[in-house]
Protein backbone atom coordinates (compact mmCIF):
# COMPACT_ATOMS: atom_id res chain seq x y z
CA MET A 1 -30.03 -16.47 -39.52
CA LEU A 2 -26.64 -14.48 -41.23
CA ASP A 3 -26.14 -14.86 -45.00
CA LYS A 4 -21.97 -15.53 -44.34
CA ALA A 5 -21.58 -13.85 -48.40
CA ALA A 6 -23.33 -11.02 -47.32
CA GLU A 7 -21.91 -10.88 -44.11
CA GLN A 8 -17.91 -10.28 -46.14
CA GLN A 9 -19.53 -7.30 -47.87
CA GLY A 10 -20.69 -5.87 -44.77
CA ILE A 11 -24.32 -6.47 -45.30
CA LEU A 12 -26.73 -8.68 -42.49
CA ARG A 13 -29.38 -10.54 -44.55
CA LEU A 14 -32.38 -11.46 -41.98
CA GLY A 15 -35.15 -13.67 -43.44
CA ALA A 16 -38.78 -12.63 -43.54
CA SER A 17 -39.78 -14.28 -40.02
CA PHE A 18 -37.50 -11.04 -38.48
CA ASP A 19 -40.04 -8.55 -37.59
CA LEU A 20 -39.15 -5.27 -37.48
CA ALA A 21 -39.27 -4.99 -33.81
CA SER A 22 -36.63 -7.75 -33.71
CA LEU A 23 -34.70 -5.97 -35.81
CA GLN A 24 -35.02 -2.92 -33.34
CA ILE A 25 -33.85 -4.35 -30.30
CA ALA A 26 -30.80 -6.56 -32.09
CA SER A 27 -29.56 -2.93 -33.25
CA GLN A 28 -29.97 -2.12 -29.83
CA THR A 29 -28.44 -4.22 -27.91
CA GLY A 30 -25.25 -3.82 -30.65
CA ASN A 31 -25.83 -7.13 -32.86
CA CYS A 32 -26.04 -5.50 -35.87
CA PRO A 33 -25.17 -2.36 -37.73
CA GLU A 34 -27.14 0.76 -38.54
CA ILE A 35 -30.50 -0.48 -40.45
CA VAL A 36 -31.17 0.80 -43.65
CA ALA A 37 -34.24 -0.18 -45.28
CA ASP A 38 -34.07 -1.58 -49.03
CA GLU A 39 -37.32 -1.04 -50.82
CA LYS A 40 -37.10 -4.12 -53.49
CA ASN A 41 -36.64 -6.46 -50.37
CA MET A 42 -38.98 -4.72 -48.02
CA SER A 43 -41.49 -5.37 -50.92
CA SER A 44 -40.65 -8.99 -50.86
CA GLY A 45 -40.32 -9.49 -47.28
CA THR A 46 -36.85 -9.42 -46.39
CA LEU A 47 -35.19 -6.88 -44.80
CA VAL A 48 -31.65 -5.89 -45.39
CA ALA A 49 -29.87 -4.29 -42.22
CA GLU A 50 -26.83 -2.49 -44.46
CA ALA A 51 -23.70 -1.58 -41.96
CA ALA A 52 -22.79 2.42 -42.68
CA THR A 53 -19.69 0.64 -42.15
CA ALA A 54 -18.01 -2.81 -41.95
CA TYR A 55 -19.38 -5.20 -40.34
CA GLU A 56 -17.41 -6.36 -36.86
CA PRO A 57 -18.40 -9.85 -35.24
CA VAL A 58 -18.96 -9.19 -31.95
CA HIS A 59 -16.62 -11.34 -30.18
CA PRO A 60 -13.43 -10.02 -29.27
CA GLN A 61 -10.25 -11.45 -30.36
CA THR A 62 -7.57 -12.92 -27.68
CA THR A 63 -4.10 -12.49 -28.41
CA SER A 64 -0.71 -12.24 -26.30
CA VAL A 65 0.66 -8.72 -25.71
CA PRO A 66 3.51 -7.31 -24.59
CA THR A 67 2.85 -6.25 -20.68
CA ASP A 68 5.30 -3.34 -21.54
CA LEU A 69 2.80 -1.98 -23.98
CA LEU A 70 -0.08 -2.51 -21.43
CA PHE A 71 -1.83 1.27 -20.24
CA ALA A 72 -4.24 2.18 -18.28
CA PRO A 73 -5.47 5.67 -16.35
CA LEU A 74 -3.88 6.48 -13.27
CA ASP A 75 -7.39 6.08 -11.56
CA SER A 76 -7.42 2.81 -12.16
CA MET A 77 -6.28 1.23 -8.75
CA PRO A 78 -8.29 3.45 -6.29
CA ALA A 79 -6.50 2.31 -3.27
CA GLY A 80 -2.96 3.45 -2.95
CA PRO A 81 -0.63 6.59 -3.24
CA SER A 82 -1.91 9.29 -5.62
CA PRO A 83 0.83 12.02 -6.91
CA THR A 84 1.23 14.80 -4.42
CA SER A 85 0.94 18.55 -4.59
CA ASP A 86 4.50 18.83 -5.05
CA GLU A 87 4.70 16.54 -8.65
CA VAL A 88 3.85 18.17 -11.78
CA VAL A 89 1.58 15.85 -13.64
CA THR A 90 1.41 17.08 -17.60
CA ASN A 91 -0.36 14.16 -19.13
CA GLY A 92 -3.83 15.09 -19.35
CA ALA A 93 -5.37 11.36 -20.44
CA CYS A 94 -3.09 10.01 -17.24
CA LEU A 95 -2.09 6.81 -19.15
CA VAL A 96 0.58 5.26 -17.14
CA PRO A 97 2.35 1.95 -17.86
CA LEU A 98 1.10 -1.18 -15.41
CA VAL A 99 4.40 -0.74 -13.72
CA ALA A 100 3.22 2.70 -12.33
CA LEU A 101 0.04 1.59 -10.58
CA LEU A 102 1.62 -1.48 -9.31
CA ASP A 103 2.16 0.14 -5.80
CA ARG A 104 -1.63 1.20 -5.86
CA TYR A 105 -2.46 -2.58 -7.15
CA ARG A 106 -0.59 -4.30 -3.87
CA ALA A 107 -2.67 -1.75 -1.74
CA HIS A 108 -5.66 -2.89 -3.07
CA SER A 109 -4.48 -6.50 -3.19
CA GLN A 110 -4.30 -6.67 0.95
CA THR A 111 -7.03 -4.77 0.96
CA ALA A 112 -9.09 -7.29 -0.65
CA MET A 113 -7.43 -9.92 0.97
CA ALA A 114 -7.87 -9.39 4.36
CA GLY A 115 -9.83 -11.75 6.31
CA ARG A 116 -10.47 -14.02 3.31
CA ARG A 117 -7.69 -15.58 1.78
CA SER A 118 -3.92 -15.89 3.21
CA ARG A 119 -0.51 -14.59 1.64
CA ALA A 120 0.46 -17.87 1.67
CA TRP A 121 -2.61 -19.11 -0.46
CA TRP A 122 -1.82 -16.65 -2.98
CA LYS A 123 1.53 -17.98 -3.31
CA GLN A 124 0.71 -20.82 -3.88
CA ILE A 125 -1.36 -20.31 -6.40
CA THR A 126 1.10 -17.74 -8.28
CA SER A 127 3.48 -20.15 -8.36
CA LEU A 128 1.03 -23.13 -10.06
CA PHE A 129 -0.37 -21.38 -12.63
CA GLY A 130 2.42 -18.43 -13.30
CA VAL A 131 -0.78 -15.92 -12.19
CA PRO A 132 -3.42 -16.03 -9.92
CA VAL A 133 -6.76 -16.93 -11.93
CA GLY A 134 -8.75 -14.25 -13.13
CA PRO A 135 -10.68 -12.03 -16.22
CA LEU A 136 -8.74 -11.69 -18.92
CA PRO A 137 -7.50 -7.79 -19.52
CA VAL A 138 -9.96 -6.08 -22.65
CA VAL A 139 -7.94 -3.50 -24.56
CA SER A 140 -10.01 -0.91 -25.70
CA ALA A 141 -7.60 1.50 -28.09
CA LEU A 142 -4.01 1.23 -29.51
CA ASP A 143 -2.77 4.55 -29.24
CA ARG A 144 1.20 5.66 -29.80
CA ASP A 145 2.13 2.22 -29.43
CA ARG A 146 0.13 1.90 -26.20
CA LEU A 147 -2.46 -0.80 -25.70
CA VAL A 148 -4.97 1.17 -23.46
CA LEU A 149 -6.77 -1.29 -20.81
CA SER A 150 -10.70 -0.53 -20.67
CA ALA A 151 -10.89 -3.45 -18.13
CA GLY A 152 -9.21 -6.17 -16.12
CA VAL A 153 -6.44 -3.66 -14.79
CA ASP A 154 -6.05 -5.32 -11.73
CA SER A 155 -5.32 -9.02 -13.93
CA ALA A 156 -3.14 -7.12 -15.69
CA CYS A 157 -0.97 -6.15 -12.87
CA ARG A 158 -0.90 -9.29 -11.41
CA ALA A 159 0.69 -10.48 -14.18
CA LYS A 160 3.27 -7.41 -14.33
CA ALA A 161 4.03 -8.20 -10.63
CA ALA A 162 4.73 -11.63 -11.69
CA GLY A 163 7.29 -10.83 -13.92
CA ARG A 164 4.95 -11.88 -16.84
CA ARG A 165 6.47 -10.00 -20.22
CA TRP A 166 3.59 -11.31 -22.72
CA MET A 167 0.19 -12.01 -21.54
CA ARG A 168 -3.36 -12.67 -23.20
CA VAL A 169 -5.42 -10.29 -22.90
CA GLN A 170 -8.78 -9.48 -25.64
CA MET A 171 -9.44 -6.86 -27.64
CA PRO A 172 -12.08 -5.55 -30.26
CA GLN A 173 -11.61 -6.99 -34.07
CA SER A 174 -10.67 -3.49 -35.46
CA ILE A 175 -7.67 -3.51 -32.56
CA ALA A 176 -6.55 -6.43 -33.32
CA ARG A 177 -6.09 -5.31 -37.06
CA GLN A 178 -3.95 -2.55 -36.12
CA TRP A 179 -2.08 -5.14 -33.74
CA PHE A 180 -1.13 -7.09 -36.62
CA SER A 181 -0.40 -4.96 -39.51
CA ARG A 182 1.90 -2.71 -37.71
CA PRO A 183 4.42 -2.23 -40.84
CA VAL A 184 7.21 -4.76 -40.23
CA ASP A 185 9.03 -5.34 -43.59
CA ARG A 186 11.91 -2.66 -43.20
CA LEU A 187 12.62 -4.37 -39.81
CA ARG A 188 12.99 -7.48 -41.88
CA ALA A 189 15.16 -5.88 -44.49
CA VAL A 190 17.54 -4.57 -42.02
CA ILE A 191 18.04 -7.66 -40.08
CA LYS A 192 18.90 -9.08 -43.01
CA GLU A 193 21.09 -6.44 -44.47
CA THR A 194 22.63 -6.16 -40.67
CA ARG A 195 22.89 -10.47 -40.68
CA ARG A 196 21.17 -9.70 -37.27
CA ARG A 197 21.17 -12.74 -34.97
CA GLU A 198 20.42 -10.98 -31.80
CA PHE A 199 19.13 -7.54 -30.20
CA TYR A 200 20.36 -5.93 -27.30
CA ASN A 201 16.84 -5.56 -25.87
CA PRO A 202 13.05 -6.78 -26.85
CA VAL A 203 11.61 -6.38 -29.18
CA PHE A 204 7.87 -5.39 -29.22
CA HIS A 205 6.10 -7.58 -32.34
CA PRO A 206 4.83 -11.02 -32.19
CA GLU A 207 7.24 -12.10 -34.98
CA PHE A 208 10.27 -11.19 -32.73
CA ARG A 209 9.03 -12.31 -29.69
CA LYS A 210 11.15 -15.36 -28.80
CA ALA A 211 13.93 -13.60 -30.61
CA ARG A 212 17.01 -13.45 -28.48
CA THR A 213 18.40 -10.79 -26.78
CA SER A 214 21.40 -9.34 -24.59
CA ARG A 215 19.43 -8.16 -21.75
CA PRO A 216 15.72 -9.24 -21.82
CA GLU A 217 14.88 -7.96 -18.52
CA SER A 218 12.83 -4.52 -18.09
CA VAL A 219 14.46 -3.77 -14.59
CA ARG A 220 15.85 -0.42 -16.36
CA LEU A 221 12.27 0.38 -17.83
CA ASP A 222 10.17 -0.17 -15.34
CA ARG A 223 12.37 1.83 -12.71
CA ILE A 224 12.69 4.78 -14.78
CA ASN A 225 9.25 4.17 -16.19
CA ARG A 226 7.98 4.62 -12.25
CA VAL A 227 9.30 7.93 -12.27
CA LEU A 228 8.66 9.48 -15.49
CA ALA A 229 4.53 7.59 -15.33
CA THR A 230 3.02 10.84 -15.49
CA LEU A 231 5.86 13.80 -16.41
CA GLY A 232 6.32 12.97 -20.60
CA GLU A 233 3.32 14.77 -22.01
CA GLY A 234 5.17 17.49 -24.20
CA LEU A 235 8.85 17.85 -22.87
CA ARG A 236 11.96 17.01 -24.69
CA GLY A 237 14.41 13.94 -23.59
CA LEU A 238 17.95 12.78 -25.28
CA ASP A 239 19.28 9.53 -25.58
CA ILE A 240 23.09 9.22 -25.33
CA GLY A 241 24.20 6.09 -26.83
CA CYS A 242 20.71 4.64 -27.93
CA ASN A 243 21.95 1.44 -29.43
CA MET A 244 18.10 0.32 -30.88
CA GLY A 245 16.40 2.87 -29.45
CA TYR A 246 14.30 0.97 -26.85
CA MET A 247 14.20 3.49 -23.97
CA THR A 248 14.03 6.11 -26.63
CA HIS A 249 10.83 4.58 -27.33
CA ALA A 250 9.30 3.62 -24.47
CA LEU A 251 10.02 7.64 -23.42
CA GLU A 252 8.26 8.49 -26.48
CA ARG A 253 5.07 6.51 -25.54
CA LEU A 254 4.91 8.85 -22.26
CA GLY A 255 4.86 11.53 -24.15
CA PHE A 256 8.23 12.84 -24.64
CA GLN A 257 9.34 14.32 -27.97
CA MET A 258 12.56 12.19 -28.20
CA THR A 259 16.16 12.81 -29.85
CA ALA A 260 18.50 10.41 -30.00
CA ILE A 261 21.94 9.80 -30.60
CA ASP A 262 24.55 6.47 -31.28
CA PHE A 263 27.52 6.73 -33.46
CA ASP A 264 26.79 3.29 -34.92
CA GLU A 265 24.89 2.81 -38.09
CA TYR A 266 23.76 -0.60 -37.67
CA HIS A 267 22.04 0.29 -34.39
CA LEU A 268 20.22 3.24 -36.06
CA ALA A 269 18.88 1.30 -39.10
CA VAL A 270 17.47 -0.74 -36.68
CA ALA A 271 16.20 1.70 -34.67
CA GLU A 272 14.99 3.82 -37.05
CA ALA A 273 12.90 0.36 -38.69
CA LEU A 274 11.58 -0.01 -35.20
CA SER A 275 10.08 3.72 -35.14
CA GLU A 276 8.46 2.88 -38.47
CA THR A 277 6.99 -0.94 -36.84
CA TYR A 278 5.98 1.24 -33.52
CA CYS A 279 4.61 4.18 -35.28
CA LEU A 280 6.63 6.68 -33.26
CA SER A 281 8.54 9.39 -34.47
CA PRO A 282 11.80 10.36 -32.32
CA ARG A 283 14.72 11.82 -34.34
CA PHE A 284 17.90 9.80 -34.05
CA VAL A 285 21.02 11.60 -35.06
CA ARG A 286 24.45 9.73 -36.11
CA CYS A 287 27.34 10.99 -34.45
CA GLN A 288 29.97 10.84 -31.65
CA PHE A 289 28.23 12.73 -28.95
CA GLN A 290 31.45 15.17 -28.31
CA ASP A 291 30.69 16.24 -32.34
CA PHE A 292 26.30 16.46 -31.49
CA ASP A 293 25.63 20.01 -31.96
CA ALA A 294 22.16 21.19 -30.48
CA SER A 295 21.36 24.90 -30.23
CA GLU A 296 18.82 23.89 -27.47
CA SER A 297 18.86 21.57 -24.15
CA PHE A 298 16.46 18.72 -22.83
CA ASP A 299 14.21 18.34 -20.35
CA ILE A 300 15.77 14.67 -19.32
CA THR A 301 18.83 13.00 -20.61
CA LEU A 302 19.04 9.35 -20.83
CA ALA A 303 23.00 7.62 -20.78
CA LEU A 304 22.34 3.97 -20.18
CA SER A 305 25.99 2.58 -20.03
CA SER A 306 27.43 4.69 -22.31
CA LEU A 307 29.22 7.49 -20.64
CA TYR A 308 31.87 5.15 -19.08
CA HIS A 309 33.07 4.71 -22.37
CA MET A 310 33.46 8.24 -23.32
CA PHE A 311 35.17 9.23 -19.78
CA PHE A 312 37.61 6.47 -19.91
CA THR A 313 38.34 4.82 -23.13
CA GLN A 314 37.65 7.97 -25.54
CA ASN A 315 38.49 10.92 -23.10
CA PRO A 316 40.80 9.41 -20.48
CA ASP A 317 42.89 12.61 -20.37
CA ARG A 318 39.39 15.16 -19.85
CA PRO A 319 36.85 13.12 -18.89
CA HIS A 320 35.31 16.34 -17.12
CA LYS A 321 34.52 17.95 -20.36
CA VAL A 322 32.00 15.31 -21.11
CA ALA A 323 30.35 15.69 -17.98
CA GLU A 324 30.40 19.32 -18.53
CA ARG A 325 28.44 18.80 -22.14
CA VAL A 326 25.75 16.78 -20.28
CA GLY A 327 25.17 19.14 -18.23
CA GLN A 328 25.22 21.85 -20.84
CA LEU A 329 22.63 19.85 -22.94
CA THR A 330 20.21 18.82 -19.65
CA ARG A 331 17.68 21.11 -17.55
CA HIS A 332 16.54 18.89 -14.81
CA ALA A 333 17.82 15.20 -14.59
CA LEU A 334 19.90 12.82 -16.02
CA PHE A 335 19.08 8.95 -15.57
CA TRP A 336 22.43 7.07 -15.99
CA GLU A 337 23.28 3.74 -15.39
CA SER A 338 26.99 3.11 -14.54
CA GLY A 339 30.05 0.78 -15.71
CA ASP A 340 32.04 -1.38 -14.12
CA GLN A 341 33.30 1.81 -11.81
CA PRO A 342 30.22 3.87 -10.95
CA GLU A 343 31.78 5.75 -7.79
CA ARG A 344 34.22 7.49 -10.85
CA GLU A 345 31.11 8.42 -12.74
CA ILE A 346 28.89 9.53 -10.06
CA ASP A 347 31.79 11.94 -8.49
CA LEU A 348 32.32 12.91 -12.14
CA ILE A 349 28.78 14.19 -13.09
CA CYS A 350 28.29 15.08 -9.43
CA THR A 351 31.32 17.87 -9.76
CA HIS A 352 31.43 19.04 -13.30
CA SER A 353 27.50 18.83 -14.86
CA GLY A 354 25.90 21.03 -12.51
CA LEU A 355 23.58 17.92 -12.09
CA SER A 356 24.54 17.83 -8.09
CA GLU A 357 22.27 15.70 -6.20
CA TYR A 358 22.42 12.03 -7.01
CA ARG A 359 19.78 9.27 -6.40
CA SER A 360 20.52 5.54 -6.83
CA LEU A 361 17.91 3.65 -8.09
CA GLY A 362 19.72 0.31 -7.57
CA GLY A 363 21.61 -2.38 -8.90
CA THR A 364 21.45 -3.66 -12.62
CA GLN A 365 23.60 -6.14 -14.37
CA GLY A 366 24.10 -6.37 -18.07
CA THR A 367 26.79 -7.51 -20.59
CA GLY A 368 28.52 -9.41 -17.72
CA LYS A 369 29.16 -6.27 -15.66
CA ILE A 370 27.48 -5.01 -12.19
CA ARG A 371 26.80 -1.82 -12.65
CA GLU A 372 24.41 0.76 -11.30
CA LEU A 373 21.02 2.80 -11.94
CA GLY A 374 20.84 6.32 -10.82
CA VAL A 375 19.29 10.21 -11.36
CA PHE A 376 21.26 13.14 -11.51
CA LEU A 377 19.09 16.22 -10.35
CA ARG A 378 19.65 19.97 -10.77
CA PRO A 379 18.97 21.64 -7.37
CA GLY A 380 16.12 24.20 -7.27
CA THR A 381 13.92 23.79 -10.84
CA GLU A 382 10.36 22.89 -10.40
CA ILE A 383 10.59 19.10 -12.34
CA SER A 384 13.37 18.46 -10.99
CA ARG A 385 11.59 18.86 -7.17
CA ALA A 386 8.85 16.65 -9.06
CA LEU A 387 11.22 13.92 -9.08
CA ALA A 388 13.01 14.01 -6.23
CA SER A 389 9.47 13.78 -4.37
CA ARG A 390 9.24 9.97 -6.08
CA LEU A 391 12.54 8.82 -5.44
CA PRO A 392 14.22 7.53 -2.56
CA ARG A 393 16.39 9.60 -0.52
CA ALA A 394 19.64 10.23 -1.13
CA VAL A 395 22.17 8.59 1.49
CA GLN A 396 23.92 10.95 3.58
């Protein structure tokens, strides 16, 4: 039997009734740490197995995590579309968020269900339990605030497809310790100092799982992640009007080197505190967009619900100057969300920025406005062509 006090010290004590063969079997099966013989105990008939590192219990820990932080290899789902020859895949590890695997998952699920279970049966189970019953996904690593799945990817995709924002997973004790020890003191202090009662977007930490948010849905994140999933490693991104850095951090997880700007010091205080919690390192700049001084341009620019303020409120007499500046800062593509006049914004950007090819990503809704989400591409660049192959065709 195990000596509990020794176990806490990283030592397994086994009684004299255990012979060397038993210890070798236990070591080979991973049920005890590396065995180091102790001469004193050997002479008394007791063996001491002492761990070279701290002893970790065999059983994994079960906990709930945000589905938007779950990543898996691109080839986790064997069926479905793969990147085309025109796509630029720069993510060497090919780790992608779950939303980028949903098309493969659906194709794989339809193949598996053919001739065995009807679609109505699956809908009934989904409505009854939230998601169909299956094994819990297994997280094997926490890397760049990404929870990397090594098993159960289909179960995780099922939860994502059903709209689950958090789901239960299994992870080794060492990964669980990393997950629960992410620093949160600075975020608590900022919330207390600013008397914040609501966030604009969700905070991916168990302590703030039930915090009030203005835009709790992940519609924008999902649509943008689908397009950029395998593209980001090493590219530079700019987030105009970043608020609390929700999309800034999302693109950092995809491998982008992000710069984000906002004029509100309280927004940036939360964003910087979240960067510490997530162990990410984007660059935040407090300034008005017109005053932002960048010596270089960026591969991808985000401007979600921010340009319409600059077009029609801050610069009503010369909105084209704002569009020109956006074009100067953007090498390949602008991901944009409108205010309540999307047609006017589209015309300004297409006419004055050089990002003349527009693709819609569909309608959105936030803070009481019906909005539009879309992508403006600069014709002729390699990355623009790669993005165009993943986007809906332009409406003529």
